[in-house]
Amino acid sequence: RTMNLSHCVITSVDRDDLDDLGVSAWTET
């Protein structure tokens, strides 16, 4: 919002250590 972006790109590291492999953080983001 601060950057006033009309388009954004989001990626992540692999999180094989997590039970859901990080998907909860993805969906919340």
mmCIF file of all heavy atoms, coordinates in Angstrom:
data_MODEL
# 
_entry.id   MODEL 
# 
loop_
_atom_site.group_PDB 
_atom_site.id 
_atom_site.type_symbol 
_atom_site.label_atom_id 
_atom_site.label_alt_id 
_atom_site.label_comp_id 
_atom_site.label_asym_id 
_atom_site.label_entity_id 
_atom_site.label_seq_id 
_atom_site.pdbx_PDB_ins_code 
_atom_site.Cartn_x 
_atom_site.Cartn_y 
_atom_site.Cartn_z 
_atom_site.occupancy 
_atom_site.B_iso_or_equiv 
_atom_site.pdbx_formal_charge 
_atom_site.auth_seq_id 
_atom_site.auth_comp_id 
_atom_site.auth_asym_id 
_atom_site.auth_atom_id 
_atom_site.pdbx_PDB_model_num 
ATOM 1   N N   . ARG A 1 1  ? 0.838  -1.210  0.000   1.00 0.00 ? 1  ARG A N   1 
ATOM 2   C CA  . ARG A 1 1  ? 0.000  0.000   0.000   1.00 0.00 ? 1  ARG A CA  1 
ATOM 3   C C   . ARG A 1 1  ? 0.867  1.253   0.000   1.00 0.00 ? 1  ARG A C   1 
ATOM 4   O O   . ARG A 1 1  ? 0.607  2.206   -0.755  1.00 0.00 ? 1  ARG A O   1 
ATOM 5   C CB  . ARG A 1 1  ? -0.921 0.001   1.228   1.00 0.00 ? 1  ARG A CB  1 
ATOM 6   C CG  . ARG A 1 1  ? -1.924 1.158   1.235   1.00 0.00 ? 1  ARG A CG  1 
ATOM 7   C CD  . ARG A 1 1  ? -2.524 1.380   2.611   1.00 0.00 ? 1  ARG A CD  1 
ATOM 8   N NE  . ARG A 1 1  ? -1.511 1.818   3.560   1.00 0.00 ? 1  ARG A NE  1 
ATOM 9   C CZ  . ARG A 1 1  ? -1.058 3.066   3.621   1.00 0.00 ? 1  ARG A CZ  1 
ATOM 10  N NH1 . ARG A 1 1  ? -1.523 4.003   2.805   1.00 0.00 ? 1  ARG A NH1 1 
ATOM 11  N NH2 . ARG A 1 1  ? -0.137 3.388   4.504   1.00 0.00 ? 1  ARG A NH2 1 
ATOM 12  N N   . THR A 1 2  ? 1.901  1.275   0.829   1.00 0.00 ? 2  THR A N   1 
ATOM 13  C CA  . THR A 1 2  ? 2.786  2.435   0.910   1.00 0.00 ? 2  THR A CA  1 
ATOM 14  C C   . THR A 1 2  ? 3.480  2.702   -0.412  1.00 0.00 ? 2  THR A C   1 
ATOM 15  O O   . THR A 1 2  ? 3.659  3.850   -0.821  1.00 0.00 ? 2  THR A O   1 
ATOM 16  C CB  . THR A 1 2  ? 3.837  2.219   2.012   1.00 0.00 ? 2  THR A CB  1 
ATOM 17  O OG1 . THR A 1 2  ? 3.175  2.018   3.268   1.00 0.00 ? 2  THR A OG1 1 
ATOM 18  C CG2 . THR A 1 2  ? 4.778  3.419   2.119   1.00 0.00 ? 2  THR A CG2 1 
ATOM 19  N N   . MET A 1 3  ? 3.854  1.632   -1.112  1.00 0.00 ? 3  MET A N   1 
ATOM 20  C CA  . MET A 1 3  ? 4.517  1.769   -2.403  1.00 0.00 ? 3  MET A CA  1 
ATOM 21  C C   . MET A 1 3  ? 3.527  2.097   -3.522  1.00 0.00 ? 3  MET A C   1 
ATOM 22  O O   . MET A 1 3  ? 3.941  2.406   -4.643  1.00 0.00 ? 3  MET A O   1 
ATOM 23  C CB  . MET A 1 3  ? 5.256  0.476   -2.748  1.00 0.00 ? 3  MET A CB  1 
ATOM 24  C CG  . MET A 1 3  ? 6.446  0.195   -1.852  1.00 0.00 ? 3  MET A CG  1 
ATOM 25  S SD  . MET A 1 3  ? 7.127  -1.481  -2.102  1.00 0.00 ? 3  MET A SD  1 
ATOM 26  C CE  . MET A 1 3  ? 7.773  -1.308  -3.779  1.00 0.00 ? 3  MET A CE  1 
ATOM 27  N N   . ASN A 1 4  ? 2.229  2.005   -3.210  1.00 0.00 ? 4  ASN A N   1 
ATOM 28  C CA  . ASN A 1 4  ? 1.174  2.302   -4.184  1.00 0.00 ? 4  ASN A CA  1 
ATOM 29  C C   . ASN A 1 4  ? 1.321  1.428   -5.432  1.00 0.00 ? 4  ASN A C   1 
ATOM 30  O O   . ASN A 1 4  ? 1.217  1.912   -6.570  1.00 0.00 ? 4  ASN A O   1 
ATOM 31  C CB  . ASN A 1 4  ? 1.186  3.784   -4.566  1.00 0.00 ? 4  ASN A CB  1 
ATOM 32  C CG  . ASN A 1 4  ? -0.082 4.202   -5.298  1.00 0.00 ? 4  ASN A CG  1 
ATOM 33  O OD1 . ASN A 1 4  ? -1.155 3.634   -5.091  1.00 0.00 ? 4  ASN A OD1 1 
ATOM 34  N ND2 . ASN A 1 4  ? 0.046  5.185   -6.184  1.00 0.00 ? 4  ASN A ND2 1 
ATOM 35  N N   . LEU A 1 5  ? 1.546  0.129   -5.229  1.00 0.00 ? 5  LEU A N   1 
ATOM 36  C CA  . LEU A 1 5  ? 1.780  -0.785  -6.344  1.00 0.00 ? 5  LEU A CA  1 
ATOM 37  C C   . LEU A 1 5  ? 0.462  -1.174  -7.011  1.00 0.00 ? 5  LEU A C   1 
ATOM 38  O O   . LEU A 1 5  ? -0.503 -1.531  -6.343  1.00 0.00 ? 5  LEU A O   1 
ATOM 39  C CB  . LEU A 1 5  ? 2.474  -2.052  -5.855  1.00 0.00 ? 5  LEU A CB  1 
ATOM 40  C CG  . LEU A 1 5  ? 3.887  -1.896  -5.282  1.00 0.00 ? 5  LEU A CG  1 
ATOM 41  C CD1 . LEU A 1 5  ? 4.442  -3.263  -4.902  1.00 0.00 ? 5  LEU A CD1 1 
ATOM 42  C CD2 . LEU A 1 5  ? 4.819  -1.225  -6.283  1.00 0.00 ? 5  LEU A CD2 1 
ATOM 43  N N   . SER A 1 6  ? 0.452  -1.135  -8.325  1.00 0.00 ? 6  SER A N   1 
ATOM 44  C CA  . SER A 1 6  ? -0.693 -1.644  -9.069  1.00 0.00 ? 6  SER A CA  1 
ATOM 45  C C   . SER A 1 6  ? -0.575 -3.148  -9.302  1.00 0.00 ? 6  SER A C   1 
ATOM 46  O O   . SER A 1 6  ? -1.562 -3.813  -9.628  1.00 0.00 ? 6  SER A O   1 
ATOM 47  C CB  . SER A 1 6  ? -0.819 -0.918  -10.412 1.00 0.00 ? 6  SER A CB  1 
ATOM 48  O OG  . SER A 1 6  ? 0.363  -1.094  -11.181 1.00 0.00 ? 6  SER A OG  1 
ATOM 49  N N   . HIS A 1 7  ? 0.631  -3.684  -9.141  1.00 0.00 ? 7  HIS A N   1 
ATOM 50  C CA  . HIS A 1 7  ? 0.893  -5.108  -9.344  1.00 0.00 ? 7  HIS A CA  1 
ATOM 51  C C   . HIS A 1 7  ? 2.021  -5.508  -8.407  1.00 0.00 ? 7  HIS A C   1 
ATOM 52  O O   . HIS A 1 7  ? 2.976  -4.750  -8.216  1.00 0.00 ? 7  HIS A O   1 
ATOM 53  C CB  . HIS A 1 7  ? 1.295  -5.366  -10.794 1.00 0.00 ? 7  HIS A CB  1 
ATOM 54  C CG  . HIS A 1 7  ? 1.539  -6.814  -11.126 1.00 0.00 ? 7  HIS A CG  1 
ATOM 55  N ND1 . HIS A 1 7  ? 0.521  -7.701  -11.390 1.00 0.00 ? 7  HIS A ND1 1 
ATOM 56  C CD2 . HIS A 1 7  ? 2.699  -7.523  -11.237 1.00 0.00 ? 7  HIS A CD2 1 
ATOM 57  C CE1 . HIS A 1 7  ? 1.030  -8.890  -11.661 1.00 0.00 ? 7  HIS A CE1 1 
ATOM 58  N NE2 . HIS A 1 7  ? 2.345  -8.816  -11.575 1.00 0.00 ? 7  HIS A NE2 1 
ATOM 59  N N   . CYS A 1 8  ? 1.925  -6.680  -7.805  1.00 0.00 ? 8  CYS A N   1 
ATOM 60  C CA  . CYS A 1 8  ? 2.990  -7.125  -6.907  1.00 0.00 ? 8  CYS A CA  1 
ATOM 61  C C   . CYS A 1 8  ? 3.352  -8.576  -7.221  1.00 0.00 ? 8  CYS A C   1 
ATOM 62  O O   . CYS A 1 8  ? 2.558  -9.331  -7.779  1.00 0.00 ? 8  CYS A O   1 
ATOM 63  C CB  . CYS A 1 8  ? 2.578  -6.995  -5.446  1.00 0.00 ? 8  CYS A CB  1 
ATOM 64  S SG  . CYS A 1 8  ? 1.210  -8.077  -4.940  1.00 0.00 ? 8  CYS A SG  1 
ATOM 65  N N   . VAL A 1 9  ? 4.573  -8.940  -6.884  1.00 0.00 ? 9  VAL A N   1 
ATOM 66  C CA  . VAL A 1 9  ? 5.051  -10.312 -7.033  1.00 0.00 ? 9  VAL A CA  1 
ATOM 67  C C   . VAL A 1 9  ? 5.504  -10.802 -5.670  1.00 0.00 ? 9  VAL A C   1 
ATOM 68  O O   . VAL A 1 9  ? 6.259  -10.121 -4.967  1.00 0.00 ? 9  VAL A O   1 
ATOM 69  C CB  . VAL A 1 9  ? 6.218  -10.413 -8.037  1.00 0.00 ? 9  VAL A CB  1 
ATOM 70  C CG1 . VAL A 1 9  ? 6.649  -11.872 -8.204  1.00 0.00 ? 9  VAL A CG1 1 
ATOM 71  C CG2 . VAL A 1 9  ? 5.842  -9.815  -9.383  1.00 0.00 ? 9  VAL A CG2 1 
ATOM 72  N N   . ILE A 1 10 ? 5.034  -11.992 -5.298  1.00 0.00 ? 10 ILE A N   1 
ATOM 73  C CA  . ILE A 1 10 ? 5.363  -12.578 -4.000  1.00 0.00 ? 10 ILE A CA  1 
ATOM 74  C C   . ILE A 1 10 ? 5.889  -13.989 -4.228  1.00 0.00 ? 10 ILE A C   1 
ATOM 75  O O   . ILE A 1 10 ? 5.302  -14.759 -4.997  1.00 0.00 ? 10 ILE A O   1 
ATOM 76  C CB  . ILE A 1 10 ? 4.131  -12.628 -3.077  1.00 0.00 ? 10 ILE A CB  1 
ATOM 77  C CG1 . ILE A 1 10 ? 3.537  -11.226 -2.900  1.00 0.00 ? 10 ILE A CG1 1 
ATOM 78  C CG2 . ILE A 1 10 ? 4.489  -13.220 -1.716  1.00 0.00 ? 10 ILE A CG2 1 
ATOM 79  C CD1 . ILE A 1 10 ? 2.179  -11.220 -2.235  1.00 0.00 ? 10 ILE A CD1 1 
ATOM 80  N N   . THR A 1 11 ? 6.979  -14.312 -3.568  1.00 0.00 ? 11 THR A N   1 
ATOM 81  C CA  . THR A 1 11 ? 7.514  -15.667 -3.616  1.00 0.00 ? 11 THR A CA  1 
ATOM 82  C C   . THR A 1 11 ? 7.867  -16.098 -2.200  1.00 0.00 ? 11 THR A C   1 
ATOM 83  O O   . THR A 1 11 ? 7.576  -15.385 -1.233  1.00 0.00 ? 11 THR A O   1 
ATOM 84  C CB  . THR A 1 11 ? 8.732  -15.745 -4.563  1.00 0.00 ? 11 THR A CB  1 
ATOM 85  O OG1 . THR A 1 11 ? 9.103  -17.115 -4.741  1.00 0.00 ? 11 THR A OG1 1 
ATOM 86  C CG2 . THR A 1 11 ? 9.928  -14.978 -4.008  1.00 0.00 ? 11 THR A CG2 1 
ATOM 87  N N   . SER A 1 12 ? 8.472  -17.263 -2.054  1.00 0.00 ? 12 SER A N   1 
ATOM 88  C CA  . SER A 1 12 ? 8.875  -17.715 -0.726  1.00 0.00 ? 12 SER A CA  1 
ATOM 89  C C   . SER A 1 12 ? 10.026 -18.697 -0.837  1.00 0.00 ? 12 SER A C   1 
ATOM 90  O O   . SER A 1 12 ? 10.290 -19.264 -1.904  1.00 0.00 ? 12 SER A O   1 
ATOM 91  C CB  . SER A 1 12 ? 7.703  -18.395 0.010   1.00 0.00 ? 12 SER A CB  1 
ATOM 92  O OG  . SER A 1 12 ? 7.523  -19.736 -0.439  1.00 0.00 ? 12 SER A OG  1 
ATOM 93  N N   . VAL A 1 13 ? 10.688 -18.889 0.286   1.00 0.00 ? 13 VAL A N   1 
ATOM 94  C CA  . VAL A 1 13 ? 11.616 -20.009 0.405   1.00 0.00 ? 13 VAL A CA  1 
ATOM 95  C C   . VAL A 1 13 ? 10.803 -21.293 0.541   1.00 0.00 ? 13 VAL A C   1 
ATOM 96  O O   . VAL A 1 13 ? 9.596  -21.258 0.796   1.00 0.00 ? 13 VAL A O   1 
ATOM 97  C CB  . VAL A 1 13 ? 12.527 -19.829 1.644   1.00 0.00 ? 13 VAL A CB  1 
ATOM 98  C CG1 . VAL A 1 13 ? 13.476 -18.669 1.450   1.00 0.00 ? 13 VAL A CG1 1 
ATOM 99  C CG2 . VAL A 1 13 ? 11.682 -19.632 2.913   1.00 0.00 ? 13 VAL A CG2 1 
ATOM 100 N N   . ASP A 1 14 ? 11.454 -22.438 0.350   1.00 0.00 ? 14 ASP A N   1 
ATOM 101 C CA  . ASP A 1 14 ? 10.805 -23.720 0.649   1.00 0.00 ? 14 ASP A CA  1 
ATOM 102 C C   . ASP A 1 14 ? 10.828 -23.937 2.149   1.00 0.00 ? 14 ASP A C   1 
ATOM 103 O O   . ASP A 1 14 ? 11.847 -23.691 2.813   1.00 0.00 ? 14 ASP A O   1 
ATOM 104 C CB  . ASP A 1 14 ? 11.551 -24.865 -0.049  1.00 0.00 ? 14 ASP A CB  1 
ATOM 105 C CG  . ASP A 1 14 ? 11.223 -24.968 -1.520  1.00 0.00 ? 14 ASP A CG  1 
ATOM 106 O OD1 . ASP A 1 14 ? 10.137 -25.474 -1.849  1.00 0.00 ? 14 ASP A OD1 1 
ATOM 107 O OD2 . ASP A 1 14 ? 12.048 -24.531 -2.350  1.00 0.00 ? 14 ASP A OD2 1 
ATOM 108 N N   . ARG A 1 15 ? 9.706  -24.403 2.690   1.00 0.00 ? 15 ARG A N   1 
ATOM 109 C CA  . ARG A 1 15 ? 9.606  -24.660 4.129   1.00 0.00 ? 15 ARG A CA  1 
ATOM 110 C C   . ARG A 1 15 ? 9.181  -26.102 4.367   1.00 0.00 ? 15 ARG A C   1 
ATOM 111 O O   . ARG A 1 15 ? 8.099  -26.399 4.862   1.00 0.00 ? 15 ARG A O   1 
ATOM 112 C CB  . ARG A 1 15 ? 8.626  -23.679 4.774   1.00 0.00 ? 15 ARG A CB  1 
ATOM 113 C CG  . ARG A 1 15 ? 9.109  -22.239 4.784   1.00 0.00 ? 15 ARG A CG  1 
ATOM 114 C CD  . ARG A 1 15 ? 10.429 -22.035 5.548   1.00 0.00 ? 15 ARG A CD  1 
ATOM 115 N NE  . ARG A 1 15 ? 10.349 -22.480 6.921   1.00 0.00 ? 15 ARG A NE  1 
ATOM 116 C CZ  . ARG A 1 15 ? 10.188 -21.648 7.967   1.00 0.00 ? 15 ARG A CZ  1 
ATOM 117 N NH1 . ARG A 1 15 ? 10.099 -20.336 7.757   1.00 0.00 ? 15 ARG A NH1 1 
ATOM 118 N NH2 . ARG A 1 15 ? 10.136 -22.130 9.189   1.00 0.00 ? 15 ARG A NH2 1 
ATOM 119 N N   . ASP A 1 16 ? 10.070 -27.031 4.014   1.00 0.00 ? 16 ASP A N   1 
ATOM 120 C CA  . ASP A 1 16 ? 9.799  -28.447 4.225   1.00 0.00 ? 16 ASP A CA  1 
ATOM 121 C C   . ASP A 1 16 ? 9.780  -28.820 5.700   1.00 0.00 ? 16 ASP A C   1 
ATOM 122 O O   . ASP A 1 16 ? 9.414  -29.948 6.050   1.00 0.00 ? 16 ASP A O   1 
ATOM 123 C CB  . ASP A 1 16 ? 10.859 -29.290 3.494   1.00 0.00 ? 16 ASP A CB  1 
ATOM 124 C CG  . ASP A 1 16 ? 10.806 -29.111 1.983   1.00 0.00 ? 16 ASP A CG  1 
ATOM 125 O OD1 . ASP A 1 16 ? 9.698  -29.175 1.421   1.00 0.00 ? 16 ASP A OD1 1 
ATOM 126 O OD2 . ASP A 1 16 ? 11.864 -28.892 1.366   1.00 0.00 ? 16 ASP A OD2 1 
ATOM 127 N N   . ASP A 1 17 ? 10.163 -27.878 6.563   1.00 0.00 ? 17 ASP A N   1 
ATOM 128 C CA  . ASP A 1 17 ? 10.169 -28.131 8.001   1.00 0.00 ? 17 ASP A CA  1 
ATOM 129 C C   . ASP A 1 17 ? 8.794  -27.972 8.626   1.00 0.00 ? 17 ASP A C   1 
ATOM 130 O O   . ASP A 1 17 ? 8.578  -28.417 9.761   1.00 0.00 ? 17 ASP A O   1 
ATOM 131 C CB  . ASP A 1 17 ? 11.148 -27.183 8.685   1.00 0.00 ? 17 ASP A CB  1 
ATOM 132 C CG  . ASP A 1 17 ? 10.784 -25.708 8.467   1.00 0.00 ? 17 ASP A CG  1 
ATOM 133 O OD1 . ASP A 1 17 ? 10.510 -25.337 7.295   1.00 0.00 ? 17 ASP A OD1 1 
ATOM 134 O OD2 . ASP A 1 17 ? 10.788 -24.931 9.437   1.00 0.00 ? 17 ASP A OD2 1 
ATOM 135 N N   . LEU A 1 18 ? 7.861  -27.351 7.926   1.00 0.00 ? 18 LEU A N   1 
ATOM 136 C CA  . LEU A 1 18 ? 6.539  -27.079 8.486   1.00 0.00 ? 18 LEU A CA  1 
ATOM 137 C C   . LEU A 1 18 ? 5.541  -28.154 8.083   1.00 0.00 ? 18 LEU A C   1 
ATOM 138 O O   . LEU A 1 18 ? 5.612  -28.698 6.980   1.00 0.00 ? 18 LEU A O   1 
ATOM 139 C CB  . LEU A 1 18 ? 6.042  -25.715 8.001   1.00 0.00 ? 18 LEU A CB  1 
ATOM 140 C CG  . LEU A 1 18 ? 6.923  -24.509 8.351   1.00 0.00 ? 18 LEU A CG  1 
ATOM 141 C CD1 . LEU A 1 18 ? 6.367  -23.247 7.703   1.00 0.00 ? 18 LEU A CD1 1 
ATOM 142 C CD2 . LEU A 1 18 ? 7.027  -24.347 9.872   1.00 0.00 ? 18 LEU A CD2 1 
ATOM 143 N N   . ASP A 1 19 ? 4.594  -28.429 8.974   1.00 0.00 ? 19 ASP A N   1 
ATOM 144 C CA  . ASP A 1 19 ? 3.604  -29.479 8.692   1.00 0.00 ? 19 ASP A CA  1 
ATOM 145 C C   . ASP A 1 19 ? 2.821  -29.188 7.419   1.00 0.00 ? 19 ASP A C   1 
ATOM 146 O O   . ASP A 1 19 ? 2.495  -30.103 6.650   1.00 0.00 ? 19 ASP A O   1 
ATOM 147 C CB  . ASP A 1 19 ? 2.637  -29.620 9.878   1.00 0.00 ? 19 ASP A CB  1 
ATOM 148 C CG  . ASP A 1 19 ? 3.311  -30.231 11.098  1.00 0.00 ? 19 ASP A CG  1 
ATOM 149 O OD1 . ASP A 1 19 ? 4.378  -30.874 10.936  1.00 0.00 ? 19 ASP A OD1 1 
ATOM 150 O OD2 . ASP A 1 19 ? 2.781  -30.070 12.211  1.00 0.00 ? 19 ASP A OD2 1 
ATOM 151 N N   . ASP A 1 20 ? 2.483  -27.909 7.193   1.00 0.00 ? 20 ASP A N   1 
ATOM 152 C CA  . ASP A 1 20 ? 1.716  -27.559 5.990   1.00 0.00 ? 20 ASP A CA  1 
ATOM 153 C C   . ASP A 1 20 ? 2.604  -26.970 4.904   1.00 0.00 ? 20 ASP A C   1 
ATOM 154 O O   . ASP A 1 20 ? 2.105  -26.399 3.931   1.00 0.00 ? 20 ASP A O   1 
ATOM 155 C CB  . ASP A 1 20 ? 0.578  -26.604 6.322   1.00 0.00 ? 20 ASP A CB  1 
ATOM 156 C CG  . ASP A 1 20 ? 1.078  -25.207 6.695   1.00 0.00 ? 20 ASP A CG  1 
ATOM 157 O OD1 . ASP A 1 20 ? 2.304  -25.013 6.850   1.00 0.00 ? 20 ASP A OD1 1 
ATOM 158 O OD2 . ASP A 1 20 ? 0.240  -24.296 6.815   1.00 0.00 ? 20 ASP A OD2 1 
ATOM 159 N N   . LEU A 1 21 ? 3.933  -27.111 5.080   1.00 0.00 ? 21 LEU A N   1 
ATOM 160 C CA  . LEU A 1 21 ? 4.926  -26.669 4.099   1.00 0.00 ? 21 LEU A CA  1 
ATOM 161 C C   . LEU A 1 21 ? 4.846  -25.165 3.820   1.00 0.00 ? 21 LEU A C   1 
ATOM 162 O O   . LEU A 1 21 ? 5.368  -24.684 2.816   1.00 0.00 ? 21 LEU A O   1 
ATOM 163 C CB  . LEU A 1 21 ? 4.792  -27.451 2.784   1.00 0.00 ? 21 LEU A CB  1 
ATOM 164 C CG  . LEU A 1 21 ? 4.798  -28.989 2.923   1.00 0.00 ? 21 LEU A CG  1 
ATOM 165 C CD1 . LEU A 1 21 ? 4.689  -29.642 1.545   1.00 0.00 ? 21 LEU A CD1 1 
ATOM 166 C CD2 . LEU A 1 21 ? 6.053  -29.460 3.654   1.00 0.00 ? 21 LEU A CD2 1 
ATOM 167 N N   . GLY A 1 22 ? 4.205  -24.430 4.727   1.00 0.00 ? 22 GLY A N   1 
ATOM 168 C CA  . GLY A 1 22 ? 4.140  -22.972 4.617   1.00 0.00 ? 22 GLY A CA  1 
ATOM 169 C C   . GLY A 1 22 ? 2.901  -22.430 3.943   1.00 0.00 ? 22 GLY A C   1 
ATOM 170 O O   . GLY A 1 22 ? 2.765  -21.214 3.782   1.00 0.00 ? 22 GLY A O   1 
ATOM 171 N N   . VAL A 1 23 ? 1.945  -23.289 3.584   1.00 0.00 ? 23 VAL A N   1 
ATOM 172 C CA  . VAL A 1 23 ? 0.801  -22.797 2.812   1.00 0.00 ? 23 VAL A CA  1 
ATOM 173 C C   . VAL A 1 23 ? -0.102 -21.868 3.632   1.00 0.00 ? 23 VAL A C   1 
ATOM 174 O O   . VAL A 1 23 ? -0.726 -20.955 3.083   1.00 0.00 ? 23 VAL A O   1 
ATOM 175 C CB  . VAL A 1 23 ? -0.011 -23.972 2.217   1.00 0.00 ? 23 VAL A CB  1 
ATOM 176 C CG1 . VAL A 1 23 ? -0.866 -24.648 3.278   1.00 0.00 ? 23 VAL A CG1 1 
ATOM 177 C CG2 . VAL A 1 23 ? -0.868 -23.501 1.053   1.00 0.00 ? 23 VAL A CG2 1 
ATOM 178 N N   . SER A 1 24 ? -0.167 -22.041 4.947   1.00 0.00 ? 24 SER A N   1 
ATOM 179 C CA  . SER A 1 24 ? -1.000 -21.141 5.767   1.00 0.00 ? 24 SER A CA  1 
ATOM 180 C C   . SER A 1 24 ? -0.474 -19.716 5.709   1.00 0.00 ? 24 SER A C   1 
ATOM 181 O O   . SER A 1 24 ? -1.252 -18.755 5.643   1.00 0.00 ? 24 SER A O   1 
ATOM 182 C CB  . SER A 1 24 ? -1.046 -21.631 7.218   1.00 0.00 ? 24 SER A CB  1 
ATOM 183 O OG  . SER A 1 24 ? -1.708 -22.877 7.309   1.00 0.00 ? 24 SER A OG  1 
ATOM 184 N N   . ALA A 1 25 ? 0.835  -19.574 5.744   1.00 0.00 ? 25 ALA A N   1 
ATOM 185 C CA  . ALA A 1 25 ? 1.427  -18.235 5.622   1.00 0.00 ? 25 ALA A CA  1 
ATOM 186 C C   . ALA A 1 25 ? 1.145  -17.656 4.242   1.00 0.00 ? 25 ALA A C   1 
ATOM 187 O O   . ALA A 1 25 ? 0.882  -16.452 4.096   1.00 0.00 ? 25 ALA A O   1 
ATOM 188 C CB  . ALA A 1 25 ? 2.929  -18.302 5.882   1.00 0.00 ? 25 ALA A CB  1 
ATOM 189 N N   . TRP A 1 26 ? 1.183  -18.503 3.228   1.00 0.00 ? 26 TRP A N   1 
ATOM 190 C CA  . TRP A 1 26 ? 0.872  -18.061 1.874   1.00 0.00 ? 26 TRP A CA  1 
ATOM 191 C C   . TRP A 1 26 ? -0.562 -17.542 1.778   1.00 0.00 ? 26 TRP A C   1 
ATOM 192 O O   . TRP A 1 26 ? -0.811 -16.458 1.249   1.00 0.00 ? 26 TRP A O   1 
ATOM 193 C CB  . TRP A 1 26 ? 1.071  -19.213 0.885   1.00 0.00 ? 26 TRP A CB  1 
ATOM 194 C CG  . TRP A 1 26 ? 2.381  -19.240 0.202   1.00 0.00 ? 26 TRP A CG  1 
ATOM 195 C CD1 . TRP A 1 26 ? 3.434  -20.091 0.437   1.00 0.00 ? 26 TRP A CD1 1 
ATOM 196 C CD2 . TRP A 1 26 ? 2.806  -18.392 -0.868  1.00 0.00 ? 26 TRP A CD2 1 
ATOM 197 N NE1 . TRP A 1 26 ? 4.474  -19.816 -0.417  1.00 0.00 ? 26 TRP A NE1 1 
ATOM 198 C CE2 . TRP A 1 26 ? 4.113  -18.776 -1.225  1.00 0.00 ? 26 TRP A CE2 1 
ATOM 199 C CE3 . TRP A 1 26 ? 2.206  -17.342 -1.552  1.00 0.00 ? 26 TRP A CE3 1 
ATOM 200 C CZ2 . TRP A 1 26 ? 4.834  -18.146 -2.249  1.00 0.00 ? 26 TRP A CZ2 1 
ATOM 201 C CZ3 . TRP A 1 26 ? 2.909  -16.701 -2.566  1.00 0.00 ? 26 TRP A CZ3 1 
ATOM 202 C CH2 . TRP A 1 26 ? 4.210  -17.104 -2.895  1.00 0.00 ? 26 TRP A CH2 1 
ATOM 203 N N   . THR A 1 27 ? -1.516 -18.322 2.254   1.00 0.00 ? 27 THR A N   1 
ATOM 204 C CA  . THR A 1 27 ? -2.913 -17.923 2.115   1.00 0.00 ? 27 THR A CA  1 
ATOM 205 C C   . THR A 1 27 ? -3.223 -16.671 2.933   1.00 0.00 ? 27 THR A C   1 
ATOM 206 O O   . THR A 1 27 ? -3.975 -15.802 2.484   1.00 0.00 ? 27 THR A O   1 
ATOM 207 C CB  . THR A 1 27 ? -3.864 -19.059 2.514   1.00 0.00 ? 27 THR A CB  1 
ATOM 208 O OG1 . THR A 1 27 ? -3.552 -19.506 3.843   1.00 0.00 ? 27 THR A OG1 1 
ATOM 209 C CG2 . THR A 1 27 ? -3.731 -20.231 1.553   1.00 0.00 ? 27 THR A CG2 1 
ATOM 210 N N   . GLU A 1 28 ? -2.631 -16.561 4.111   1.00 0.00 ? 28 GLU A N   1 
ATOM 211 C CA  . GLU A 1 28 ? -2.859 -15.361 4.916   1.00 0.00 ? 28 GLU A CA  1 
ATOM 212 C C   . GLU A 1 28 ? -2.247 -14.131 4.245   1.00 0.00 ? 28 GLU A C   1 
ATOM 213 O O   . GLU A 1 28 ? -2.832 -13.040 4.277   1.00 0.00 ? 28 GLU A O   1 
ATOM 214 C CB  . GLU A 1 28 ? -2.281 -15.540 6.323   1.00 0.00 ? 28 GLU A CB  1 
ATOM 215 C CG  . GLU A 1 28 ? -2.486 -14.353 7.252   1.00 0.00 ? 28 GLU A CG  1 
ATOM 216 C CD  . GLU A 1 28 ? -3.950 -14.014 7.501   1.00 0.00 ? 28 GLU A CD  1 
ATOM 217 O OE1 . GLU A 1 28 ? -4.838 -14.870 7.242   1.00 0.00 ? 28 GLU A OE1 1 
ATOM 218 O OE2 . GLU A 1 28 ? -4.219 -12.883 7.959   1.00 0.00 ? 28 GLU A OE2 1 
ATOM 219 N N   . THR A 1 29 ? -1.098 -14.307 3.623   1.00 0.00 ? 29 THR A N   1 
ATOM 220 C CA  . THR A 1 29 ? -0.469 -13.194 2.911   1.00 0.00 ? 29 THR A CA  1 
ATOM 221 C C   . THR A 1 29 ? -1.351 -12.717 1.765   1.00 0.00 ? 29 THR A C   1 
ATOM 222 O O   . THR A 1 29 ? -1.585 -11.511 1.589   1.00 0.00 ? 29 THR A O   1 
ATOM 223 C CB  . THR A 1 29 ? 0.909  -13.609 2.373   1.00 0.00 ? 29 THR A CB  1 
ATOM 224 O OG1 . THR A 1 29 ? 1.765  -13.939 3.479   1.00 0.00 ? 29 THR A OG1 1 
ATOM 225 C CG2 . THR A 1 29 ? 1.542  -12.496 1.559   1.00 0.00 ? 29 THR A CG2 1 
# 
